[in-house]
Amino acid sequence: MSLANRLNQIIDEQKISKREFAKRVGVSENYVYTLTGESNKITTLSPMLAKVIAMEFGYDAEWILHGDKE
């Protein structure tokens, strides 16, 4: 599962907009659209931002960064 897919999953499960997600984690809406878009332009995330997302929404930071290691 790609970073974009994991972030989209969080947004879908939380039933929030990408705008709300951006606001709650302190990044621009454009950045969220770049992260979650189909082009997969950005494939990595800073560990600090992953921790912010994890704390805000209750997900594991390692899963956000790397997905399931199988």
N, C-alpha and C. Protein backbone atom coordinates (compact mmCIF):
# COMPACT_ATOMS: atom_id res chain seq x y z
N MET A 1 0.85 -1.18 0.00
CA MET A 1 0.00 0.00 0.00
C MET A 1 0.90 1.24 0.00
N SER A 2 0.62 2.16 -0.87
CA SER A 2 1.44 3.37 -0.99
C SER A 2 1.12 4.37 0.12
N LEU A 3 2.00 5.34 0.28
CA LEU A 3 1.78 6.42 1.23
C LEU A 3 0.46 7.12 0.94
N ALA A 4 0.21 7.41 -0.33
CA ALA A 4 -1.04 8.07 -0.72
C ALA A 4 -2.25 7.25 -0.28
N ASN A 5 -2.19 5.93 -0.49
CA ASN A 5 -3.30 5.06 -0.10
C ASN A 5 -3.50 5.05 1.42
N ARG A 6 -2.39 5.03 2.17
CA ARG A 6 -2.51 5.03 3.64
C ARG A 6 -3.12 6.34 4.13
N LEU A 7 -2.68 7.46 3.57
CA LEU A 7 -3.25 8.74 4.00
C LEU A 7 -4.71 8.86 3.60
N ASN A 8 -5.04 8.40 2.40
CA ASN A 8 -6.45 8.41 1.97
C ASN A 8 -7.30 7.52 2.87
N GLN A 9 -6.74 6.40 3.31
CA GLN A 9 -7.46 5.51 4.21
C GLN A 9 -7.76 6.23 5.53
N ILE A 10 -6.78 6.93 6.08
CA ILE A 10 -6.99 7.67 7.32
C ILE A 10 -8.10 8.71 7.13
N ILE A 11 -8.02 9.47 6.05
CA ILE A 11 -9.01 10.51 5.77
C ILE A 11 -10.40 9.89 5.63
N ASP A 12 -10.50 8.78 4.90
CA ASP A 12 -11.80 8.11 4.72
C ASP A 12 -12.34 7.57 6.03
N GLU A 13 -11.48 6.91 6.81
CA GLU A 13 -11.93 6.31 8.07
C GLU A 13 -12.35 7.37 9.08
N GLN A 14 -11.71 8.52 9.03
CA GLN A 14 -12.06 9.61 9.95
C GLN A 14 -13.27 10.40 9.48
N LYS A 15 -13.68 10.14 8.23
CA LYS A 15 -14.83 10.82 7.62
C LYS A 15 -14.64 12.34 7.65
N ILE A 16 -13.44 12.76 7.22
CA ILE A 16 -13.13 14.19 7.16
C ILE A 16 -12.68 14.53 5.74
N SER A 17 -12.67 15.82 5.44
CA SER A 17 -12.19 16.29 4.15
C SER A 17 -10.67 16.41 4.18
N LYS A 18 -10.07 16.51 3.00
CA LYS A 18 -8.63 16.73 2.93
C LYS A 18 -8.30 18.10 3.52
N ARG A 19 -9.19 19.04 3.37
CA ARG A 19 -8.99 20.37 3.97
C ARG A 19 -8.92 20.26 5.49
N GLU A 20 -9.84 19.52 6.08
CA GLU A 20 -9.85 19.33 7.53
C GLU A 20 -8.60 18.59 7.99
N PHE A 21 -8.19 17.56 7.24
CA PHE A 21 -6.97 16.82 7.56
C PHE A 21 -5.78 17.77 7.59
N ALA A 22 -5.65 18.60 6.55
CA ALA A 22 -4.54 19.55 6.45
C ALA A 22 -4.53 20.50 7.65
N LYS A 23 -5.69 21.01 7.99
CA LYS A 23 -5.81 21.95 9.11
C LYS A 23 -5.39 21.30 10.41
N ARG A 24 -5.83 20.07 10.62
CA ARG A 24 -5.56 19.40 11.89
C ARG A 24 -4.11 18.97 12.06
N VAL A 25 -3.39 18.75 10.95
CA VAL A 25 -1.99 18.35 11.07
C VAL A 25 -1.02 19.49 10.77
N GLY A 26 -1.56 20.65 10.40
CA GLY A 26 -0.73 21.84 10.24
C GLY A 26 0.05 21.93 8.94
N VAL A 27 -0.54 21.43 7.86
CA VAL A 27 0.09 21.56 6.54
C VAL A 27 -0.91 22.20 5.59
N SER A 28 -0.41 22.60 4.42
CA SER A 28 -1.31 23.23 3.45
C SER A 28 -2.22 22.19 2.79
N GLU A 29 -3.35 22.66 2.35
CA GLU A 29 -4.28 21.78 1.64
C GLU A 29 -3.63 21.26 0.35
N ASN A 30 -2.87 22.12 -0.32
CA ASN A 30 -2.19 21.70 -1.55
C ASN A 30 -1.22 20.55 -1.28
N TYR A 31 -0.52 20.61 -0.15
CA TYR A 31 0.41 19.55 0.20
C TYR A 31 -0.33 18.23 0.41
N VAL A 32 -1.47 18.29 1.07
CA VAL A 32 -2.27 17.07 1.27
C VAL A 32 -2.72 16.51 -0.07
N TYR A 33 -3.15 17.37 -0.98
CA TYR A 33 -3.56 16.88 -2.30
C TYR A 33 -2.39 16.27 -3.06
N THR A 34 -1.20 16.84 -2.89
CA THR A 34 0.00 16.27 -3.52
C THR A 34 0.32 14.91 -2.91
N LEU A 35 0.22 14.82 -1.59
CA LEU A 35 0.52 13.56 -0.89
C LEU A 35 -0.47 12.45 -1.25
N THR A 36 -1.73 12.82 -1.43
CA THR A 36 -2.77 11.81 -1.59
C THR A 36 -3.20 11.60 -3.04
N GLY A 37 -2.59 12.32 -3.96
CA GLY A 37 -2.99 12.22 -5.36
C GLY A 37 -2.55 10.94 -6.03
N GLU A 38 -3.11 10.70 -7.18
CA GLU A 38 -2.82 9.47 -7.91
C GLU A 38 -1.45 9.45 -8.56
N SER A 39 -0.82 10.62 -8.70
CA SER A 39 0.48 10.66 -9.35
C SER A 39 1.59 10.10 -8.46
N ASN A 40 1.31 10.00 -7.15
CA ASN A 40 2.31 9.50 -6.19
C ASN A 40 3.63 10.23 -6.31
N LYS A 41 3.57 11.55 -6.49
CA LYS A 41 4.78 12.36 -6.61
C LYS A 41 5.63 12.29 -5.36
N ILE A 42 4.99 12.27 -4.21
CA ILE A 42 5.72 12.20 -2.95
C ILE A 42 5.50 10.82 -2.36
N THR A 43 6.60 10.11 -2.13
CA THR A 43 6.48 8.74 -1.63
C THR A 43 7.00 8.58 -0.21
N THR A 44 7.53 9.67 0.36
CA THR A 44 8.01 9.61 1.74
C THR A 44 7.44 10.78 2.52
N LEU A 45 7.49 10.63 3.82
CA LEU A 45 6.94 11.62 4.73
C LEU A 45 7.95 11.80 5.85
N SER A 46 8.06 12.98 6.39
CA SER A 46 9.00 13.17 7.51
C SER A 46 8.48 12.41 8.73
N PRO A 47 9.38 11.83 9.51
CA PRO A 47 8.95 11.13 10.73
C PRO A 47 8.16 12.04 11.67
N MET A 48 8.51 13.32 11.71
CA MET A 48 7.79 14.26 12.58
C MET A 48 6.34 14.42 12.14
N LEU A 49 6.10 14.58 10.83
CA LEU A 49 4.73 14.71 10.35
C LEU A 49 3.96 13.40 10.57
N ALA A 50 4.62 12.28 10.39
CA ALA A 50 3.95 10.99 10.66
C ALA A 50 3.52 10.91 12.11
N LYS A 51 4.36 11.40 13.04
CA LYS A 51 4.01 11.39 14.46
C LYS A 51 2.83 12.31 14.75
N VAL A 52 2.81 13.47 14.09
CA VAL A 52 1.68 14.39 14.28
C VAL A 52 0.38 13.74 13.82
N ILE A 53 0.42 13.11 12.64
CA ILE A 53 -0.77 12.42 12.12
C ILE A 53 -1.17 11.29 13.06
N ALA A 54 -0.19 10.53 13.53
CA ALA A 54 -0.46 9.41 14.44
C ALA A 54 -1.13 9.90 15.73
N MET A 55 -0.61 10.96 16.30
CA MET A 55 -1.17 11.47 17.55
C MET A 55 -2.55 12.08 17.35
N GLU A 56 -2.74 12.77 16.25
CA GLU A 56 -4.03 13.44 15.98
C GLU A 56 -5.15 12.45 15.70
N PHE A 57 -4.82 11.37 14.98
CA PHE A 57 -5.87 10.47 14.51
C PHE A 57 -5.80 9.06 15.09
N GLY A 58 -4.79 8.75 15.91
CA GLY A 58 -4.73 7.46 16.58
C GLY A 58 -4.22 6.31 15.72
N TYR A 59 -3.31 6.61 14.81
CA TYR A 59 -2.71 5.57 13.97
C TYR A 59 -1.25 5.40 14.37
N ASP A 60 -0.65 4.30 13.97
CA ASP A 60 0.75 4.03 14.26
C ASP A 60 1.63 4.79 13.27
N ALA A 61 2.60 5.55 13.80
CA ALA A 61 3.48 6.35 12.94
C ALA A 61 4.28 5.48 11.98
N GLU A 62 4.72 4.32 12.43
CA GLU A 62 5.49 3.43 11.56
C GLU A 62 4.63 2.92 10.40
N TRP A 63 3.37 2.63 10.69
CA TRP A 63 2.47 2.20 9.61
C TRP A 63 2.27 3.34 8.62
N ILE A 64 2.10 4.56 9.11
CA ILE A 64 1.94 5.71 8.22
C ILE A 64 3.16 5.84 7.32
N LEU A 65 4.35 5.70 7.90
CA LEU A 65 5.58 5.87 7.13
C LEU A 65 5.85 4.72 6.16
N HIS A 66 5.64 3.49 6.62
CA HIS A 66 6.12 2.33 5.85
C HIS A 66 5.06 1.31 5.46
N GLY A 67 3.87 1.41 6.00
CA GLY A 67 2.85 0.41 5.73
C GLY A 67 3.15 -0.87 6.47
N ASP A 68 2.44 -1.92 6.09
CA ASP A 68 2.65 -3.23 6.71
C ASP A 68 3.89 -3.86 6.11
N LYS A 69 4.77 -4.32 6.98
CA LYS A 69 6.00 -4.97 6.53
C LYS A 69 5.75 -6.46 6.42
N GLU A 70 5.40 -6.88 5.22
CA GLU A 70 5.13 -8.32 5.01
C GLU A 70 6.02 -8.87 3.95
